[in-house]
C-alpha cells in the first residue's frame, strides 16, 4: 500500500535509540523511551497561503529530524509503524 501525506504533513519512521548508555550499561526494552528522532519517508505538497499559492516544505524525504516526544499519530503502513505529523511539529533537521 502506498501512502502520500496531504498538505503540510510528513510521514516519519522512528530511528531506534542506542541500547547502551555512555558508561556501557545495557538498557532493557522496558526502560527505553520512544525516540524523538526519525527519518522522513514521505512529504506532502505543502500548505496553501491566503492567495492559494503553495508554501514549499522545509523538509525532504530521507532527512533525519527531531520532533516532540508526543508529536504525531502512529499508523501502520505495510507492516511498518510510522508517524504522520504536521511539518510544524518538527523541531529541526539533524545533519552529520
N, C-alpha and C. Protein backbone atom coordinates (compact mmCIF):
# COMPACT_ATOMS: atom_id res chain seq x y z
N UNK A 1 0.85 -1.18 0.00
CA UNK A 1 0.00 0.00 0.00
C UNK A 1 0.89 1.24 0.00
N UNK A 2 0.59 2.17 -0.85
CA UNK A 2 1.32 3.43 -0.89
C UNK A 2 0.55 4.46 -0.08
N UNK A 3 1.27 5.36 0.59
CA UNK A 3 0.64 6.40 1.39
C UNK A 3 1.33 7.72 1.09
N UNK A 4 0.56 8.71 0.69
CA UNK A 4 1.09 10.04 0.42
C UNK A 4 0.41 11.04 1.35
N UNK A 5 1.18 11.72 2.21
CA UNK A 5 0.58 12.72 3.10
C UNK A 5 0.05 13.91 2.30
N UNK A 6 -0.97 14.54 2.82
CA UNK A 6 -1.54 15.72 2.17
C UNK A 6 -1.07 17.00 2.85
N UNK A 7 -1.11 18.07 2.09
CA UNK A 7 -0.81 19.43 2.56
C UNK A 7 0.56 19.52 3.23
N UNK A 8 0.62 19.95 4.50
CA UNK A 8 1.90 20.15 5.18
C UNK A 8 2.22 19.03 6.16
N UNK A 9 1.78 17.83 5.82
CA UNK A 9 2.05 16.67 6.68
C UNK A 9 3.22 15.85 6.14
N UNK A 10 3.89 15.14 7.06
CA UNK A 10 5.02 14.28 6.68
C UNK A 10 4.83 12.91 7.33
N UNK A 11 5.42 11.90 6.71
CA UNK A 11 5.41 10.54 7.24
C UNK A 11 6.81 10.25 7.73
N UNK A 12 6.93 9.84 9.01
CA UNK A 12 8.24 9.68 9.66
C UNK A 12 8.39 8.27 10.19
N UNK A 13 9.57 7.69 9.97
CA UNK A 13 9.92 6.40 10.55
C UNK A 13 10.88 6.67 11.71
N UNK A 14 10.55 6.19 12.90
CA UNK A 14 11.40 6.42 14.06
C UNK A 14 12.77 5.78 13.86
N UNK A 15 13.80 6.44 14.38
CA UNK A 15 15.16 5.91 14.39
C UNK A 15 15.36 5.26 15.75
N UNK A 16 15.80 4.01 15.76
CA UNK A 16 15.99 3.29 17.02
C UNK A 16 17.09 3.93 17.85
N UNK A 17 16.88 3.98 19.15
CA UNK A 17 17.87 4.56 20.05
C UNK A 17 18.94 3.54 20.42
N UNK A 18 20.01 4.04 20.99
CA UNK A 18 21.11 3.19 21.42
C UNK A 18 20.65 2.24 22.52
N UNK A 19 21.18 1.03 22.53
CA UNK A 19 20.81 0.05 23.54
C UNK A 19 21.76 0.07 24.73
N UNK A 20 22.81 0.90 24.67
CA UNK A 20 23.76 1.02 25.77
C UNK A 20 23.90 2.48 26.16
N UNK A 21 24.19 2.70 27.44
CA UNK A 21 24.47 4.06 27.91
C UNK A 21 25.92 4.39 27.59
N UNK A 22 26.30 5.64 27.83
CA UNK A 22 27.69 6.04 27.59
C UNK A 22 28.65 5.25 28.47
N UNK A 23 28.19 4.80 29.64
CA UNK A 23 29.03 4.02 30.55
C UNK A 23 29.06 2.54 30.22
N UNK A 24 28.31 2.11 29.19
CA UNK A 24 28.33 0.72 28.76
C UNK A 24 27.22 -0.14 29.33
N UNK A 25 26.29 0.44 30.09
CA UNK A 25 25.18 -0.33 30.63
C UNK A 25 24.15 -0.61 29.53
N UNK A 26 23.63 -1.83 29.49
CA UNK A 26 22.61 -2.19 28.51
C UNK A 26 21.25 -1.77 29.05
N UNK A 27 20.48 -1.09 28.21
CA UNK A 27 19.16 -0.61 28.60
C UNK A 27 18.12 -1.65 28.16
N UNK A 28 17.33 -2.19 29.09
CA UNK A 28 16.30 -3.16 28.69
C UNK A 28 15.17 -2.47 27.92
N UNK A 29 14.47 -3.24 27.07
CA UNK A 29 13.38 -2.68 26.27
C UNK A 29 12.32 -2.00 27.12
N UNK A 30 12.05 -2.53 28.31
CA UNK A 30 11.01 -1.96 29.16
C UNK A 30 11.37 -0.56 29.68
N UNK A 31 12.65 -0.22 29.69
CA UNK A 31 13.10 1.07 30.21
C UNK A 31 13.35 2.09 29.10
N UNK A 32 13.30 1.66 27.85
CA UNK A 32 13.56 2.58 26.74
C UNK A 32 12.38 3.50 26.52
N UNK A 33 12.69 4.74 26.19
CA UNK A 33 11.66 5.68 25.79
C UNK A 33 11.58 5.67 24.28
N UNK A 34 10.42 6.04 23.77
CA UNK A 34 10.29 6.13 22.32
C UNK A 34 11.19 7.27 21.85
N UNK A 35 12.00 7.03 20.82
CA UNK A 35 12.89 8.10 20.36
C UNK A 35 12.11 9.23 19.70
N UNK A 36 12.64 10.42 19.83
CA UNK A 36 12.02 11.59 19.23
C UNK A 36 12.83 12.00 18.01
N UNK A 37 13.42 11.03 17.35
CA UNK A 37 14.23 11.25 16.17
C UNK A 37 13.74 10.29 15.10
N UNK A 38 13.68 10.76 13.87
CA UNK A 38 13.19 9.89 12.81
C UNK A 38 13.65 10.33 11.44
N UNK A 39 13.37 9.46 10.46
CA UNK A 39 13.73 9.72 9.06
C UNK A 39 12.44 9.96 8.29
N UNK A 40 12.43 11.01 7.49
CA UNK A 40 11.26 11.36 6.68
C UNK A 40 11.11 10.31 5.57
N UNK A 41 9.92 9.71 5.48
CA UNK A 41 9.62 8.69 4.48
C UNK A 41 8.85 9.29 3.30
N UNK A 42 7.93 10.21 3.59
CA UNK A 42 7.13 10.86 2.54
C UNK A 42 6.76 12.26 3.00
N UNK A 43 6.58 13.15 2.03
CA UNK A 43 6.29 14.56 2.31
C UNK A 43 5.10 15.00 1.47
N UNK A 44 4.18 15.76 2.08
CA UNK A 44 3.06 16.32 1.33
C UNK A 44 3.52 17.45 0.42
N UNK A 45 2.60 17.97 -0.37
CA UNK A 45 2.92 19.02 -1.33
C UNK A 45 3.11 20.39 -0.69
N UNK A 46 2.65 20.56 0.54
CA UNK A 46 2.76 21.85 1.23
C UNK A 46 1.40 22.49 1.39
N UNK A 47 1.27 23.32 2.41
CA UNK A 47 0.03 24.04 2.66
C UNK A 47 -0.13 25.16 1.63
N UNK A 48 -1.29 25.78 1.63
CA UNK A 48 -1.53 26.91 0.72
C UNK A 48 -1.69 28.18 1.54
N UNK A 49 -1.19 29.30 0.97
CA UNK A 49 -1.35 30.58 1.65
C UNK A 49 -2.71 31.18 1.31
N UNK A 50 -2.95 32.41 1.74
CA UNK A 50 -4.25 33.06 1.53
C UNK A 50 -4.58 33.27 0.06
N UNK A 51 -3.55 33.35 -0.80
CA UNK A 51 -3.76 33.54 -2.23
C UNK A 51 -3.87 32.22 -2.98
N UNK A 52 -3.78 31.09 -2.26
CA UNK A 52 -3.89 29.79 -2.91
C UNK A 52 -2.56 29.24 -3.42
N UNK A 53 -1.47 29.97 -3.17
CA UNK A 53 -0.15 29.52 -3.62
C UNK A 53 0.42 28.51 -2.63
N UNK A 54 1.13 27.52 -3.15
CA UNK A 54 1.74 26.51 -2.28
C UNK A 54 2.90 27.10 -1.49
N UNK A 55 2.97 26.73 -0.21
CA UNK A 55 4.11 27.09 0.64
C UNK A 55 5.04 25.89 0.61
N UNK A 56 6.26 26.04 0.09
CA UNK A 56 7.16 24.89 -0.03
C UNK A 56 7.53 24.30 1.33
N UNK A 57 7.72 22.99 1.36
CA UNK A 57 8.09 22.30 2.59
C UNK A 57 9.58 22.52 2.86
N UNK A 58 9.95 22.59 4.14
CA UNK A 58 11.35 22.77 4.54
C UNK A 58 12.08 21.45 4.70
N UNK A 59 11.35 20.33 4.73
CA UNK A 59 11.97 19.01 4.88
C UNK A 59 11.78 18.20 3.60
N UNK A 60 12.68 17.23 3.41
CA UNK A 60 12.63 16.37 2.24
C UNK A 60 12.71 14.91 2.67
N UNK A 61 12.36 14.02 1.77
CA UNK A 61 12.47 12.59 2.03
C UNK A 61 13.93 12.27 2.37
N UNK A 62 14.13 11.40 3.35
CA UNK A 62 15.43 10.94 3.87
C UNK A 62 16.10 11.92 4.83
N UNK A 63 15.50 13.08 5.11
CA UNK A 63 16.04 13.96 6.15
C UNK A 63 15.85 13.27 7.50
N UNK A 64 16.81 13.41 8.40
CA UNK A 64 16.69 12.92 9.77
C UNK A 64 16.29 14.12 10.62
N UNK A 65 15.17 13.99 11.33
CA UNK A 65 14.59 15.12 12.04
C UNK A 65 14.39 14.81 13.52
N UNK A 66 14.25 15.88 14.29
CA UNK A 66 13.95 15.80 15.71
C UNK A 66 12.55 16.36 15.91
N UNK A 67 11.72 15.63 16.65
CA UNK A 67 10.34 16.07 16.86
C UNK A 67 9.96 15.88 18.32
N UNK A 68 8.85 16.46 18.73
CA UNK A 68 8.39 16.35 20.11
C UNK A 68 8.05 14.92 20.49
N UNK A 69 8.24 14.62 21.76
CA UNK A 69 8.03 13.26 22.26
C UNK A 69 6.62 12.75 21.98
N UNK A 70 5.63 13.60 22.06
CA UNK A 70 4.24 13.20 21.87
C UNK A 70 3.68 13.66 20.53
N UNK A 71 4.53 14.03 19.59
CA UNK A 71 4.08 14.54 18.29
C UNK A 71 3.57 13.41 17.39
N UNK A 72 2.65 13.75 16.54
CA UNK A 72 2.21 12.85 15.50
C UNK A 72 1.20 11.80 15.93
N UNK A 73 0.71 11.08 14.92
CA UNK A 73 -0.23 9.99 15.10
C UNK A 73 0.40 8.73 14.55
N UNK A 74 0.41 7.66 15.34
CA UNK A 74 1.02 6.41 14.90
C UNK A 74 0.09 5.69 13.94
N UNK A 75 0.66 5.24 12.82
CA UNK A 75 -0.08 4.44 11.84
C UNK A 75 0.80 3.28 11.41
N UNK A 76 0.21 2.26 10.81
CA UNK A 76 0.96 1.12 10.29
C UNK A 76 0.74 1.07 8.78
N UNK A 77 1.85 1.09 8.02
CA UNK A 77 1.80 1.00 6.57
C UNK A 77 2.74 -0.12 6.16
N UNK A 78 2.21 -1.10 5.46
CA UNK A 78 2.99 -2.26 5.02
C UNK A 78 3.76 -2.92 6.16
N UNK A 79 3.12 -3.01 7.32
CA UNK A 79 3.73 -3.66 8.47
C UNK A 79 4.74 -2.83 9.24
N UNK A 80 4.99 -1.60 8.80
CA UNK A 80 5.92 -0.71 9.49
C UNK A 80 5.13 0.29 10.33
N UNK A 81 5.60 0.52 11.56
CA UNK A 81 4.98 1.54 12.40
C UNK A 81 5.60 2.89 12.06
N UNK A 82 4.76 3.82 11.63
CA UNK A 82 5.21 5.14 11.21
C UNK A 82 4.41 6.20 11.95
N UNK A 83 4.86 7.43 11.86
CA UNK A 83 4.17 8.57 12.43
C UNK A 83 3.78 9.52 11.31
N UNK A 84 2.58 10.06 11.39
CA UNK A 84 2.20 11.13 10.48
C UNK A 84 2.03 12.38 11.34
N UNK A 85 2.66 13.47 10.91
CA UNK A 85 2.61 14.71 11.70
C UNK A 85 2.69 15.92 10.78
N UNK A 86 2.31 17.06 11.32
CA UNK A 86 2.45 18.31 10.58
C UNK A 86 3.92 18.72 10.59
N UNK A 87 4.32 19.41 9.55
CA UNK A 87 5.70 19.89 9.47
C UNK A 87 6.04 20.78 10.66
N UNK A 88 5.08 21.50 11.18
CA UNK A 88 5.33 22.40 12.32
C UNK A 88 5.66 21.64 13.61
N UNK A 89 5.36 20.33 13.66
CA UNK A 89 5.72 19.51 14.84
C UNK A 89 7.20 19.15 14.84
N UNK A 90 7.87 19.35 13.72
CA UNK A 90 9.30 19.03 13.62
C UNK A 90 10.10 20.21 14.16
N UNK A 91 11.04 19.89 15.07
CA UNK A 91 11.85 20.95 15.69
C UNK A 91 13.09 21.30 14.88
N UNK A 92 13.61 20.34 14.11
CA UNK A 92 14.80 20.63 13.33
C UNK A 92 15.28 19.43 12.55
N UNK A 93 16.20 19.69 11.62
CA UNK A 93 16.82 18.65 10.80
C UNK A 93 18.21 18.37 11.37
N UNK A 94 18.51 17.09 11.55
CA UNK A 94 19.82 16.69 12.08
C UNK A 94 20.74 16.41 10.90
N UNK A 95 21.91 17.09 10.88
CA UNK A 95 22.90 16.86 9.83
C UNK A 95 24.15 16.25 10.43
N UNK A 96 24.86 15.48 9.63
CA UNK A 96 26.06 14.79 10.13
C UNK A 96 27.24 15.71 10.23
